[in-house]
Amino acid sequence: MTPQQLLTQLYADFNARNTEAVLAQMAPDVEWPASTEGSGYVTGPAEVGAYWARQWTTLDPHVDPLSFTRDDHGRAVVEVHLVVHDKGGKLLADQVLHHVYTFNENGLVRRMDIEALP
């Protein structure tokens, strides 16, 4: 499976809240941004899953990949459309940004970063 195919499936699984399928594609030492909790990262699939569980108690995010490229460091850059509602249906965010992925030698997600568009 190519990185683009993997990431396309991961976004579909995330949007379906199929946490186990997404976490299965993460390295044991994955670093994931804890953007809804301020700054910093959570580490490891268990912490990522717990972070999402906390997030989903108040928020309903939906992320659609728009395009896939590689940066100068070989990382996968995904331009995404992020729409976030609160649990009452109020729109909180509607934006396009970059998710930047680093993979380990086994093809698992090692790190994800969020970057504003240039």
PDB file of N, CA and C in Angstrom:
ATOM      1  N   MET A   1       0.849  -1.185   0.000  1.00  0.00           N
ATOM      2  CA  MET A   1       0.000   0.000   0.000  1.00  0.00           C
ATOM      3  C   MET A   1       0.893   1.246   0.000  1.00  0.00           C
ATOM      4  N   THR A   2       0.602   2.190  -0.865  1.00  0.00           N
ATOM      5  CA  THR A   2       1.387   3.420  -0.924  1.00  0.00           C
ATOM      6  C   THR A   2       1.015   4.321   0.260  1.00  0.00           C
ATOM      7  N   PRO A   3       1.879   5.278   0.607  1.00  0.00           N
ATOM      8  CA  PRO A   3       1.518   6.221   1.670  1.00  0.00           C
ATOM      9  C   PRO A   3       0.201   6.958   1.381  1.00  0.00           C
ATOM     10  N   GLN A   4      -0.030   7.325   0.124  1.00  0.00           N
ATOM     11  CA  GLN A   4      -1.281   8.011  -0.214  1.00  0.00           C
ATOM     12  C   GLN A   4      -2.488   7.110   0.036  1.00  0.00           C
ATOM     13  N   GLN A   5      -2.393   5.849  -0.361  1.00  0.00           N
ATOM     14  CA  GLN A   5      -3.497   4.915  -0.127  1.00  0.00           C
ATOM     15  C   GLN A   5      -3.724   4.710   1.373  1.00  0.00           C
ATOM     16  N   LEU A   6      -2.628   4.559   2.109  1.00  0.00           N
ATOM     17  CA  LEU A   6      -2.723   4.379   3.555  1.00  0.00           C
ATOM     18  C   LEU A   6      -3.389   5.587   4.211  1.00  0.00           C
ATOM     19  N   LEU A   7      -2.926   6.779   3.861  1.00  0.00           N
ATOM     20  CA  LEU A   7      -3.479   7.985   4.477  1.00  0.00           C
ATOM     21  C   LEU A   7      -4.938   8.206   4.087  1.00  0.00           C
ATOM     22  N   THR A   8      -5.283   7.909   2.855  1.00  0.00           N
ATOM     23  CA  THR A   8      -6.681   8.025   2.431  1.00  0.00           C
ATOM     24  C   THR A   8      -7.555   7.124   3.292  1.00  0.00           C
ATOM     25  N   GLN A   9      -7.098   5.896   3.531  1.00  0.00           N
ATOM     26  CA  GLN A   9      -7.863   4.974   4.378  1.00  0.00           C
ATOM     27  C   GLN A   9      -7.900   5.452   5.824  1.00  0.00           C
ATOM     28  N   LEU A  10      -6.784   5.993   6.315  1.00  0.00           N
ATOM     29  CA  LEU A  10      -6.752   6.480   7.700  1.00  0.00           C
ATOM     30  C   LEU A  10      -7.748   7.627   7.911  1.00  0.00           C
ATOM     31  N   TYR A  11      -7.842   8.545   6.948  1.00  0.00           N
ATOM     32  CA  TYR A  11      -8.828   9.626   7.079  1.00  0.00           C
ATOM     33  C   TYR A  11     -10.250   9.079   7.061  1.00  0.00           C
ATOM     34  N   ALA A  12     -10.516   8.097   6.195  1.00  0.00           N
ATOM     35  CA  ALA A  12     -11.852   7.490   6.156  1.00  0.00           C
ATOM     36  C   ALA A  12     -12.159   6.807   7.488  1.00  0.00           C
ATOM     37  N   ASP A  13     -11.186   6.081   8.032  1.00  0.00           N
ATOM     38  CA  ASP A  13     -11.393   5.409   9.314  1.00  0.00           C
ATOM     39  C   ASP A  13     -11.550   6.417  10.452  1.00  0.00           C
ATOM     40  N   PHE A  14     -10.761   7.488  10.444  1.00  0.00           N
ATOM     41  CA  PHE A  14     -10.896   8.524  11.474  1.00  0.00           C
ATOM     42  C   PHE A  14     -12.299   9.128  11.425  1.00  0.00           C
ATOM     43  N   ASN A  15     -12.755   9.486  10.243  1.00  0.00           N
ATOM     44  CA  ASN A  15     -14.080  10.100  10.107  1.00  0.00           C
ATOM     45  C   ASN A  15     -15.199   9.143  10.519  1.00  0.00           C
ATOM     46  N   ALA A  16     -14.965   7.834  10.371  1.00  0.00           N
ATOM     47  CA  ALA A  16     -15.945   6.826  10.791  1.00  0.00           C
ATOM     48  C   ALA A  16     -15.777   6.465  12.269  1.00  0.00           C
ATOM     49  N   ARG A  17     -14.783   7.072  12.926  1.00  0.00           N
ATOM     50  CA  ARG A  17     -14.450   6.815  14.333  1.00  0.00           C
ATOM     51  C   ARG A  17     -14.030   5.365  14.557  1.00  0.00           C
ATOM     52  N   ASN A  18     -13.380   4.804  13.540  1.00  0.00           N
ATOM     53  CA  ASN A  18     -12.827   3.460  13.628  1.00  0.00           C
ATOM     54  C   ASN A  18     -11.406   3.578  14.183  1.00  0.00           C
ATOM     55  N   THR A  19     -11.337   3.906  15.456  1.00  0.00           N
ATOM     56  CA  THR A  19     -10.073   4.207  16.124  1.00  0.00           C
ATOM     57  C   THR A  19      -9.070   3.063  16.002  1.00  0.00           C
ATOM     58  N   GLU A  20      -9.519   1.837  16.224  1.00  0.00           N
ATOM     59  CA  GLU A  20      -8.596   0.697  16.205  1.00  0.00           C
ATOM     60  C   GLU A  20      -7.882   0.564  14.860  1.00  0.00           C
ATOM     61  N   ALA A  21      -8.600   0.800  13.766  1.00  0.00           N
ATOM     62  CA  ALA A  21      -7.985   0.685  12.440  1.00  0.00           C
ATOM     63  C   ALA A  21      -6.911   1.749  12.241  1.00  0.00           C
ATOM     64  N   VAL A  22      -7.167   2.969  12.717  1.00  0.00           N
ATOM     65  CA  VAL A  22      -6.174   4.040  12.574  1.00  0.00           C
ATOM     66  C   VAL A  22      -4.969   3.765  13.459  1.00  0.00           C
ATOM     67  N   LEU A  23      -5.215   3.417  14.707  1.00  0.00           N
ATOM     68  CA  LEU A  23      -4.115   3.187  15.647  1.00  0.00           C
ATOM     69  C   LEU A  23      -3.234   2.013  15.219  1.00  0.00           C
ATOM     70  N   ALA A  24      -3.803   1.048  14.517  1.00  0.00           N
ATOM     71  CA  ALA A  24      -3.031  -0.105  14.053  1.00  0.00           C
ATOM     72  C   ALA A  24      -1.976   0.297  13.030  1.00  0.00           C
ATOM     73  N   GLN A  25      -2.107   1.458  12.422  1.00  0.00           N
ATOM     74  CA  GLN A  25      -1.150   1.931  11.422  1.00  0.00           C
ATOM     75  C   GLN A  25      -0.135   2.914  12.006  1.00  0.00           C
ATOM     76  N   MET A  26      -0.097   3.006  13.341  1.00  0.00           N
ATOM     77  CA  MET A  26       0.826   3.920  14.009  1.00  0.00           C
ATOM     78  C   MET A  26       1.966   3.156  14.658  1.00  0.00           C
ATOM     79  N   ALA A  27       3.156   3.756  14.593  1.00  0.00           N
ATOM     80  CA  ALA A  27       4.326   3.189  15.252  1.00  0.00           C
ATOM     81  C   ALA A  27       4.117   3.208  16.770  1.00  0.00           C
ATOM     82  N   PRO A  28       4.773   2.300  17.494  1.00  0.00           N
ATOM     83  CA  PRO A  28       4.637   2.278  18.953  1.00  0.00           C
ATOM     84  C   PRO A  28       5.041   3.591  19.619  1.00  0.00           C
ATOM     85  N   ASP A  29       5.941   4.337  18.986  1.00  0.00           N
ATOM     86  CA  ASP A  29       6.397   5.612  19.554  1.00  0.00           C
ATOM     87  C   ASP A  29       5.857   6.818  18.773  1.00  0.00           C
ATOM     88  N   VAL A  30       4.706   6.657  18.137  1.00  0.00           N
ATOM     89  CA  VAL A  30       4.111   7.737  17.343  1.00  0.00           C
ATOM     90  C   VAL A  30       3.969   9.011  18.181  1.00  0.00           C
ATOM     91  N   GLU A  31       4.195  10.140  17.545  1.00  0.00           N
ATOM     92  CA  GLU A  31       3.973  11.448  18.165  1.00  0.00           C
ATOM     93  C   GLU A  31       2.847  12.116  17.399  1.00  0.00           C
ATOM     94  N   TRP A  32       1.802  12.527  18.135  1.00  0.00           N
ATOM     95  CA  TRP A  32       0.594  13.078  17.522  1.00  0.00           C
ATOM     96  C   TRP A  32       0.261  14.405  18.176  1.00  0.00           C
ATOM     97  N   PRO A  33      -0.028  15.445  17.393  1.00  0.00           N
ATOM     98  CA  PRO A  33      -0.312  16.749  17.996  1.00  0.00           C
ATOM     99  C   PRO A  33      -1.614  16.733  18.795  1.00  0.00           C
ATOM    100  N   ALA A  34      -1.553  17.313  19.983  1.00  0.00           N
ATOM    101  CA  ALA A  34      -2.735  17.433  20.845  1.00  0.00           C
ATOM    102  C   ALA A  34      -3.314  18.834  20.669  1.00  0.00           C
ATOM    103  N   SER A  35      -3.691  19.146  19.444  1.00  0.00           N
ATOM    104  CA  SER A  35      -4.070  20.515  19.083  1.00  0.00           C
ATOM    105  C   SER A  35      -5.310  21.022  19.807  1.00  0.00           C
ATOM    106  N   THR A  36      -6.250  20.160  20.132  1.00  0.00           N
ATOM    107  CA  THR A  36      -7.455  20.646  20.814  1.00  0.00           C
ATOM    108  C   THR A  36      -7.230  20.839  22.308  1.00  0.00           C
ATOM    109  N   GLU A  37      -6.060  20.414  22.792  1.00  0.00           N
ATOM    110  CA  GLU A  37      -5.736  20.582  24.211  1.00  0.00           C
ATOM    111  C   GLU A  37      -4.621  21.610  24.402  1.00  0.00           C
ATOM    112  N   GLY A  38      -4.438  22.456  23.417  1.00  0.00           N
ATOM    113  CA  GLY A  38      -3.397  23.470  23.513  1.00  0.00           C
ATOM    114  C   GLY A  38      -2.261  23.144  22.584  1.00  0.00           C
ATOM    115  N   SER A  39      -1.118  22.823  23.154  1.00  0.00           N
ATOM    116  CA  SER A  39       0.043  22.503  22.324  1.00  0.00           C
ATOM    117  C   SER A  39       0.669  21.216  22.817  1.00  0.00           C
ATOM    118  N   GLY A  40       1.687  20.799  22.123  1.00  0.00           N
ATOM    119  CA  GLY A  40       2.378  19.581  22.503  1.00  0.00           C
ATOM    120  C   GLY A  40       1.860  18.370  21.756  1.00  0.00           C
ATOM    121  N   TYR A  41       2.383  17.221  22.146  1.00  0.00           N
ATOM    122  CA  TYR A  41       2.085  15.964  21.476  1.00  0.00           C
ATOM    123  C   TYR A  41       1.729  14.899  22.501  1.00  0.00           C
ATOM    124  N   VAL A  42       0.936  13.935  22.065  1.00  0.00           N
ATOM    125  CA  VAL A  42       0.760  12.711  22.824  1.00  0.00           C
ATOM    126  C   VAL A  42       1.619  11.658  22.139  1.00  0.00           C
ATOM    127  N   THR A  43       2.086  10.670  22.910  1.00  0.00           N
ATOM    128  CA  THR A  43       3.022   9.685  22.393  1.00  0.00           C
ATOM    129  C   THR A  43       2.472   8.276  22.582  1.00  0.00           C
ATOM    130  N   GLY A  44       2.507   7.511  21.514  1.00  0.00           N
ATOM    131  CA  GLY A  44       2.054   6.123  21.543  1.00  0.00           C
ATOM    132  C   GLY A  44       0.596   5.999  21.157  1.00  0.00           C
ATOM    133  N   PRO A  45       0.242   4.900  20.494  1.00  0.00           N
ATOM    134  CA  PRO A  45      -1.141   4.704  20.065  1.00  0.00           C
ATOM    135  C   PRO A  45      -2.166   4.784  21.196  1.00  0.00           C
ATOM    136  N   ALA A  46      -1.851   4.256  22.372  1.00  0.00           N
ATOM    137  CA  ALA A  46      -2.814   4.309  23.483  1.00  0.00           C
ATOM    138  C   ALA A  46      -3.118   5.754  23.870  1.00  0.00           C
ATOM    139  N   GLU A  47      -2.088   6.595  23.928  1.00  0.00           N
ATOM    140  CA  GLU A  47      -2.310   8.002  24.262  1.00  0.00           C
ATOM    141  C   GLU A  47      -3.067   8.725  23.154  1.00  0.00           C
ATOM    142  N   VAL A  48      -2.786   8.393  21.896  1.00  0.00           N
ATOM    143  CA  VAL A  48      -3.522   9.002  20.785  1.00  0.00           C
ATOM    144  C   VAL A  48      -4.998   8.617  20.883  1.00  0.00           C
ATOM    145  N   GLY A  49      -5.268   7.349  21.130  1.00  0.00           N
ATOM    146  CA  GLY A  49      -6.651   6.893  21.267  1.00  0.00           C
ATOM    147  C   GLY A  49      -7.366   7.572  22.421  1.00  0.00           C
ATOM    148  N   ALA A  50      -6.687   7.737  23.540  1.00  0.00           N
ATOM    149  CA  ALA A  50      -7.284   8.415  24.696  1.00  0.00           C
ATOM    150  C   ALA A  50      -7.528   9.892  24.388  1.00  0.00           C
ATOM    151  N   TYR A  51      -6.592  10.506  23.675  1.00  0.00           N
ATOM    152  CA  TYR A  51      -6.755  11.906  23.272  1.00  0.00           C
ATOM    153  C   TYR A  51      -7.991  12.064  22.397  1.00  0.00           C
ATOM    154  N   TRP A  52      -8.139  11.192  21.403  1.00  0.00           N
ATOM    155  CA  TRP A  52      -9.318  11.267  20.535  1.00  0.00           C
ATOM    156  C   TRP A  52     -10.598  11.038  21.320  1.00  0.00           C
ATOM    157  N   ALA A  53     -10.592  10.076  22.245  1.00  0.00           N
ATOM    158  CA  ALA A  53     -11.792   9.802  23.055  1.00  0.00           C
ATOM    159  C   ALA A  53     -12.196  11.056  23.835  1.00  0.00           C
ATOM    160  N   ARG A  54     -11.222  11.764  24.404  1.00  0.00           N
ATOM    161  CA  ARG A  54     -11.518  13.018  25.117  1.00  0.00           C
ATOM    162  C   ARG A  54     -12.062  14.057  24.150  1.00  0.00           C
ATOM    163  N   GLN A  55     -11.426  14.180  22.999  1.00  0.00           N
ATOM    164  CA  GLN A  55     -11.822  15.164  21.998  1.00  0.00           C
ATOM    165  C   GLN A  55     -13.262  14.931  21.543  1.00  0.00           C
ATOM    166  N   TRP A  56     -13.607  13.699  21.296  1.00  0.00           N
ATOM    167  CA  TRP A  56     -14.915  13.373  20.732  1.00  0.00           C
ATOM    168  C   TRP A  56     -16.053  13.498  21.741  1.00  0.00           C
ATOM    169  N   THR A  57     -15.752  13.733  23.014  1.00  0.00           N
ATOM    170  CA  THR A  57     -16.840  13.971  23.974  1.00  0.00           C
ATOM    171  C   THR A  57     -17.456  15.341  23.772  1.00  0.00           C
ATOM    172  N   THR A  58     -16.695  16.278  23.191  1.00  0.00           N
ATOM    173  CA  THR A  58     -17.209  17.645  23.009  1.00  0.00           C
ATOM    174  C   THR A  58     -17.185  18.113  21.566  1.00  0.00           C
ATOM    175  N   LEU A  59     -16.375  17.467  20.726  1.00  0.00           N
ATOM    176  CA  LEU A  59     -16.197  17.925  19.353  1.00  0.00           C
ATOM    177  C   LEU A  59     -16.525  16.825  18.353  1.00  0.00           C
ATOM    178  N   ASP A  60     -16.912  17.244  17.157  1.00  0.00           N
ATOM    179  CA  ASP A  60     -17.179  16.318  16.054  1.00  0.00           C
ATOM    180  C   ASP A  60     -16.374  16.779  14.838  1.00  0.00           C
ATOM    181  N   PRO A  61     -15.084  16.387  14.777  1.00  0.00           N
ATOM    182  CA  PRO A  61     -14.254  16.789  13.639  1.00  0.00           C
ATOM    183  C   PRO A  61     -14.439  15.868  12.446  1.00  0.00           C
ATOM    184  N   HIS A  62     -14.325  16.431  11.263  1.00  0.00           N
ATOM    185  CA  HIS A  62     -14.352  15.672  10.011  1.00  0.00           C
ATOM    186  C   HIS A  62     -13.235  16.227   9.141  1.00  0.00           C
ATOM    187  N   VAL A  63     -12.370  15.334   8.639  1.00  0.00           N
ATOM    188  CA  VAL A  63     -11.190  15.750   7.886  1.00  0.00           C
ATOM    189  C   VAL A  63     -11.167  15.030   6.544  1.00  0.00           C
ATOM    190  N   ASP A  64     -11.159  15.818   5.459  1.00  0.00           N
ATOM    191  CA  ASP A  64     -11.104  15.253   4.118  1.00  0.00           C
ATOM    192  C   ASP A  64      -9.788  15.621   3.446  1.00  0.00           C
ATOM    193  N   PRO A  65      -9.031  14.614   2.966  1.00  0.00           N
ATOM    194  CA  PRO A  65      -7.803  14.931   2.222  1.00  0.00           C
ATOM    195  C   PRO A  65      -8.148  15.513   0.857  1.00  0.00           C
ATOM    196  N   LEU A  66      -7.427  16.570   0.492  1.00  0.00           N
ATOM    197  CA  LEU A  66      -7.640  17.235  -0.796  1.00  0.00           C
ATOM    198  C   LEU A  66      -6.526  16.929  -1.792  1.00  0.00           C
ATOM    199  N   SER A  67      -5.282  16.866  -1.290  1.00  0.00           N
ATOM    200  CA  SER A  67      -4.149  16.574  -2.169  1.00  0.00           C
ATOM    201  C   SER A  67      -3.008  15.990  -1.353  1.00  0.00           C
ATOM    202  N   PHE A  68      -2.106  15.301  -2.052  1.00  0.00           N
ATOM    203  CA  PHE A  68      -0.967  14.637  -1.431  1.00  0.00           C
ATOM    204  C   PHE A  68       0.304  15.044  -2.181  1.00  0.00           C
ATOM    205  N   THR A  69       1.323  15.464  -1.425  1.00  0.00           N
ATOM    206  CA  THR A  69       2.623  15.787  -2.004  1.00  0.00           C
ATOM    207  C   THR A  69       3.710  15.307  -1.042  1.00  0.00           C
ATOM    208  N   ARG A  70       4.953  15.492  -1.443  1.00  0.00           N
ATOM    209  CA  ARG A  70       6.112  15.212  -0.589  1.00  0.00           C
ATOM    210  C   ARG A  70       6.874  16.510  -0.389  1.00  0.00           C
ATOM    211  N   ASP A  71       7.409  16.718   0.818  1.00  0.00           N
ATOM    212  CA  ASP A  71       8.220  17.907   1.041  1.00  0.00           C
ATOM    213  C   ASP A  71       9.696  17.580   0.797  1.00  0.00           C
ATOM    214  N   ASP A  72      10.573  18.554   1.019  1.00  0.00           N
ATOM    215  CA  ASP A  72      12.003  18.384   0.762  1.00  0.00           C
ATOM    216  C   ASP A  72      12.654  17.339   1.667  1.00  0.00           C
ATOM    217  N   HIS A  73      11.988  16.974   2.762  1.00  0.00           N
ATOM    218  CA  HIS A  73      12.514  15.983   3.703  1.00  0.00           C
ATOM    219  C   HIS A  73      11.914  14.602   3.475  1.00  0.00           C
ATOM    220  N   GLY A  74      11.094  14.455   2.419  1.00  0.00           N
ATOM    221  CA  GLY A  74      10.491  13.172   2.106  1.00  0.00           C
ATOM    222  C   GLY A  74       9.226  12.863   2.891  1.00  0.00           C
ATOM    223  N   ARG A  75       8.759  13.836   3.667  1.00  0.00           N
ATOM    224  CA  ARG A  75       7.540  13.620   4.440  1.00  0.00           C
ATOM    225  C   ARG A  75       6.314  13.762   3.542  1.00  0.00           C
ATOM    226  N   ALA A  76       5.262  13.038   3.883  1.00  0.00           N
ATOM    227  CA  ALA A  76       3.998  13.141   3.151  1.00  0.00           C
ATOM    228  C   ALA A  76       3.240  14.360   3.657  1.00  0.00           C
ATOM    229  N   VAL A  77       2.871  15.239   2.732  1.00  0.00           N
ATOM    230  CA  VAL A  77       2.124  16.444   3.075  1.00  0.00           C
ATOM    231  C   VAL A  77       0.729  16.301   2.482  1.00  0.00           C
ATOM    232  N   VAL A  78      -0.267  16.347   3.353  1.00  0.00           N
ATOM    233  CA  VAL A  78      -1.651  16.199   2.929  1.00  0.00           C
ATOM    234  C   VAL A  78      -2.367  17.519   3.170  1.00  0.00           C
ATOM    235  N   GLU A  79      -2.865  18.113   2.101  1.00  0.00           N
ATOM    236  CA  GLU A  79      -3.717  19.279   2.258  1.00  0.00           C
ATOM    237  C   GLU A  79      -5.102  18.754   2.607  1.00  0.00           C
ATOM    238  N   VAL A  80      -5.643  19.223   3.732  1.00  0.00           N
ATOM    239  CA  VAL A  80      -6.919  18.699   4.211  1.00  0.00           C
ATOM    240  C   VAL A  80      -7.926  19.820   4.416  1.00  0.00           C
ATOM    241  N   HIS A  81      -9.192  19.453   4.320  1.00  0.00           N
ATOM    242  CA  HIS A  81     -10.298  20.344   4.669  1.00  0.00           C
ATOM    243  C   HIS A  81     -10.832  19.844   6.003  1.00  0.00           C
ATOM    244  N   LEU A  82     -10.680  20.671   7.029  1.00  0.00           N
ATOM    245  CA  LEU A  82     -11.095  20.337   8.383  1.00  0.00           C
ATOM    246  C   LEU A  82     -12.373  21.091   8.717  1.00  0.00           C
ATOM    247  N   VAL A  83     -13.395  20.364   9.145  1.00  0.00           N
ATOM    248  CA  VAL A  83     -14.639  20.967   9.614  1.00  0.00           C
ATOM    249  C   VAL A  83     -14.899  20.406  11.006  1.00  0.00           C
ATOM    250  N   VAL A  84     -15.085  21.297  11.971  1.00  0.00           N
ATOM    251  CA  VAL A  84     -15.322  20.885  13.347  1.00  0.00           C
ATOM    252  C   VAL A  84     -16.609  21.526  13.848  1.00  0.00           C
ATOM    253  N   HIS A  85     -17.479  20.671  14.378  1.00  0.00           N
ATOM    254  CA  HIS A  85     -18.704  21.129  15.032  1.00  0.00           C
ATOM    255  C   HIS A  85     -18.636  20.735  16.504  1.00  0.00           C
ATOM    256  N   ASP A  86     -19.341  21.468  17.353  1.00  0.00           N
ATOM    257  CA  ASP A  86     -19.491  20.980  18.712  1.00  0.00           C
ATOM    258  C   ASP A  86     -20.597  19.940  18.712  1.00  0.00           C
ATOM    259  N   LYS A  87     -20.835  19.315  19.838  1.00  0.00           N
ATOM    260  CA  LYS A  87     -21.825  18.234  19.894  1.00  0.00           C
ATOM    261  C   LYS A  87     -23.253  18.744  19.671  1.00  0.00           C
ATOM    262  N   GLY A  88     -23.459  20.051  19.798  1.00  0.00           N
ATOM    263  CA  GLY A  88     -24.763  20.642  19.521  1.00  0.00           C
ATOM    264  C   GLY A  88     -24.945  21.003  18.057  1.00  0.00           C
ATOM    265  N   GLY A  89     -23.904  20.803  17.249  1.00  0.00           N
ATOM    266  CA  GLY A  89     -23.986  21.089  15.822  1.00  0.00           C
ATOM    267  C   GLY A  89     -23.465  22.457  15.414  1.00  0.00           C
ATOM    268  N   LYS A  90     -22.995  23.248  16.371  1.00  0.00           N
ATOM    269  CA  LYS A  90     -22.464  24.584  16.057  1.00  0.00           C
ATOM    270  C   LYS A  90     -21.111  24.455  15.359  1.00  0.00           C
ATOM    271  N   LEU A  91     -20.958  25.165  14.239  1.00  0.00           N
ATOM    272  CA  LEU A  91     -19.699  25.150  13.500  1.00  0.00           C
ATOM    273  C   LEU A  91     -18.626  25.902  14.275  1.00  0.00           C
ATOM    274  N   LEU A  92     -17.518  25.231  14.544  1.00  0.00           N
ATOM    275  CA  LEU A  92     -16.406  25.836  15.273  1.00  0.00           C
ATOM    276  C   LEU A  92     -15.214  26.136  14.377  1.00  0.00           C
ATOM    277  N   ALA A  93     -15.030  25.341  13.332  1.00  0.00           N
ATOM    278  CA  ALA A  93     -13.893  25.542  12.426  1.00  0.00           C
ATOM    279  C   ALA A  93     -14.240  24.995  11.055  1.00  0.00           C
ATOM    280  N   ASP A  94     -13.762  25.704  10.043  1.00  0.00           N
ATOM    281  CA  ASP A  94     -13.894  25.272   8.654  1.00  0.00           C
ATOM    282  C   ASP A  94     -12.682  25.841   7.945  1.00  0.00           C
ATOM    283  N   GLN A  95     -11.647  25.012   7.770  1.00  0.00           N
ATOM    284  CA  GLN A  95     -10.393  25.531   7.235  1.00  0.00           C
ATOM    285  C   GLN A  95      -9.645  24.473   6.443  1.00  0.00           C
ATOM    286  N   VAL A  96      -8.710  24.954   5.640  1.00  0.00           N
ATOM    287  CA  VAL A  96      -7.818  24.094   4.885  1.00  0.00           C
ATOM    288  C   VAL A  96      -6.425  24.274   5.487  1.00  0.00           C
ATOM    289  N   LEU A  97      -5.752  23.151   5.734  1.00  0.00           N
ATOM    290  CA  LEU A  97      -4.411  23.202   6.311  1.00  0.00           C
ATOM    291  C   LEU A  97      -3.629  21.978   5.877  1.00  0.00           C
ATOM    292  N   HIS A  98      -2.399  21.884   6.324  1.00  0.00           N
ATOM    293  CA  HIS A  98      -1.536  20.754   5.978  1.00  0.00           C
ATOM    294  C   HIS A  98      -1.345  19.839   7.174  1.00  0.00           C
ATOM    295  N   HIS A  99      -1.478  18.547   6.935  1.00  0.00           N
ATOM    296  CA  HIS A  99      -1.045  17.515   7.870  1.00  0.00           C
ATOM    297  C   HIS A  99       0.218  16.917   7.265  1.00  0.00           C
ATOM    298  N   VAL A 100       1.284  16.875   8.045  1.00  0.00           N
ATOM    299  CA  VAL A 100       2.582  16.407   7.554  1.00  0.00           C
ATOM    300  C   VAL A 100       2.959  15.132   8.311  1.00  0.00           C
ATOM    301  N   TYR A 101       3.183  14.059   7.561  1.00  0.00           N
ATOM    302  CA  TYR A 101       3.427  12.743   8.150  1.00  0.00           C
ATOM    303  C   TYR A 101       4.848  12.255   7.901  1.00  0.00           C
ATOM    304  N   THR A 102       5.419  11.681   8.948  1.00  0.00           N
ATOM    305  CA  THR A 102       6.685  10.968   8.867  1.00  0.00           C
ATOM    306  C   THR A 102       6.376   9.495   9.141  1.00  0.00           C
ATOM    307  N   PHE A 103       6.967   8.604   8.354  1.00  0.00           N
ATOM    308  CA  PHE A 103       6.755   7.168   8.519  1.00  0.00           C
ATOM    309  C   PHE A 103       8.039   6.514   9.008  1.00  0.00           C
ATOM    310  N   ASN A 104       7.894   5.419   9.745  1.00  0.00           N
ATOM    311  CA  ASN A 104       9.086   4.677  10.153  1.00  0.00           C
ATOM    312  C   ASN A 104       9.483   3.685   9.062  1.00  0.00           C
ATOM    313  N   GLU A 105      10.514   2.898   9.339  1.00  0.00           N
ATOM    314  CA  GLU A 105      11.030   1.964   8.337  1.00  0.00           C
ATOM    315  C   GLU A 105      10.040   0.847   7.992  1.00  0.00           C
ATOM    316  N   ASN A 106       9.024   0.648   8.830  1.00  0.00           N
ATOM    317  CA  ASN A 106       8.008  -0.378   8.574  1.00  0.00           C
ATOM    318  C   ASN A 106       6.761   0.187   7.903  1.00  0.00           C
ATOM    319  N   GLY A 107       6.798   1.483   7.530  1.00  0.00           N
ATOM    320  CA  GLY A 107       5.662   2.099   6.862  1.00  0.00           C
ATOM    321  C   GLY A 107       4.551   2.547   7.786  1.00  0.00           C
ATOM    322  N   LEU A 108       4.823   2.566   9.108  1.00  0.00           N
ATOM    323  CA  LEU A 108       3.838   3.026  10.078  1.00  0.00           C
ATOM    324  C   LEU A 108       4.015   4.520  10.335  1.00  0.00           C
ATOM    325  N   VAL A 109       2.930   5.187  10.695  1.00  0.00           N
ATOM    326  CA  VAL A 109       2.999   6.617  10.986  1.00  0.00           C
ATOM    327  C   VAL A 109       3.845   6.813  12.240  1.00  0.00           C
ATOM    328  N   ARG A 110       4.907   7.586  12.112  1.00  0.00           N
ATOM    329  CA  ARG A 110       5.819   7.879  13.226  1.00  0.00           C
ATOM    330  C   ARG A 110       5.512   9.227  13.870  1.00  0.00           C
ATOM    331  N   ARG A 111       5.057  10.185  13.048  1.00  0.00           N
ATOM    332  CA  ARG A 111       4.760  11.518  13.574  1.00  0.00           C
ATOM    333  C   ARG A 111       3.820  12.235  12.616  1.00  0.00           C
ATOM    334  N   MET A 112       2.940  13.040  13.211  1.00  0.00           N
ATOM    335  CA  MET A 112       2.074  13.908  12.413  1.00  0.00           C
ATOM    336  C   MET A 112       2.204  15.315  12.960  1.00  0.00           C
ATOM    337  N   ASP A 113       2.353  16.252  12.051  1.00  0.00           N
ATOM    338  CA  ASP A 113       2.409  17.680  12.405  1.00  0.00           C
ATOM    339  C   ASP A 113       1.314  18.405  11.660  1.00  0.00           C
ATOM    340  N   ILE A 114       0.837  19.475  12.249  1.00  0.00           N
ATOM    341  CA  ILE A 114      -0.163  20.328  11.602  1.00  0.00           C
ATOM    342  C   ILE A 114       0.512  21.649  11.251  1.00  0.00           C
ATOM    343  N   GLU A 115       0.354  22.068  10.002  1.00  0.00           N
ATOM    344  CA  GLU A 115       0.955  23.314   9.545  1.00  0.00           C
ATOM    345  C   GLU A 115      -0.083  24.157   8.823  1.00  0.00           C
ATOM    346  N   ALA A 116      -0.035  25.453   9.082  1.00  0.00           N
ATOM    347  CA  ALA A 116      -0.902  26.376   8.347  1.00  0.00           C
ATOM    348  C   ALA A 116      -0.433  26.442   6.904  1.00  0.00           C
ATOM    349  N   LEU A 117      -1.327  26.777   6.013  1.00  0.00           N
ATOM    350  CA  LEU A 117      -0.934  26.929   4.624  1.00  0.00           C
ATOM    351  C   LEU A 117      -0.040  28.163   4.472  1.00  0.00           C
ATOM    352  N   PRO A 118       0.924  28.086   3.541  1.00  0.00           N
ATOM    353  CA  PRO A 118       1.806  29.248   3.344  1.00  0.00           C
ATOM    354  C   PRO A 118       1.036  30.446   2.799  1.00  0.00           C
TER     355      PRO A 118
END
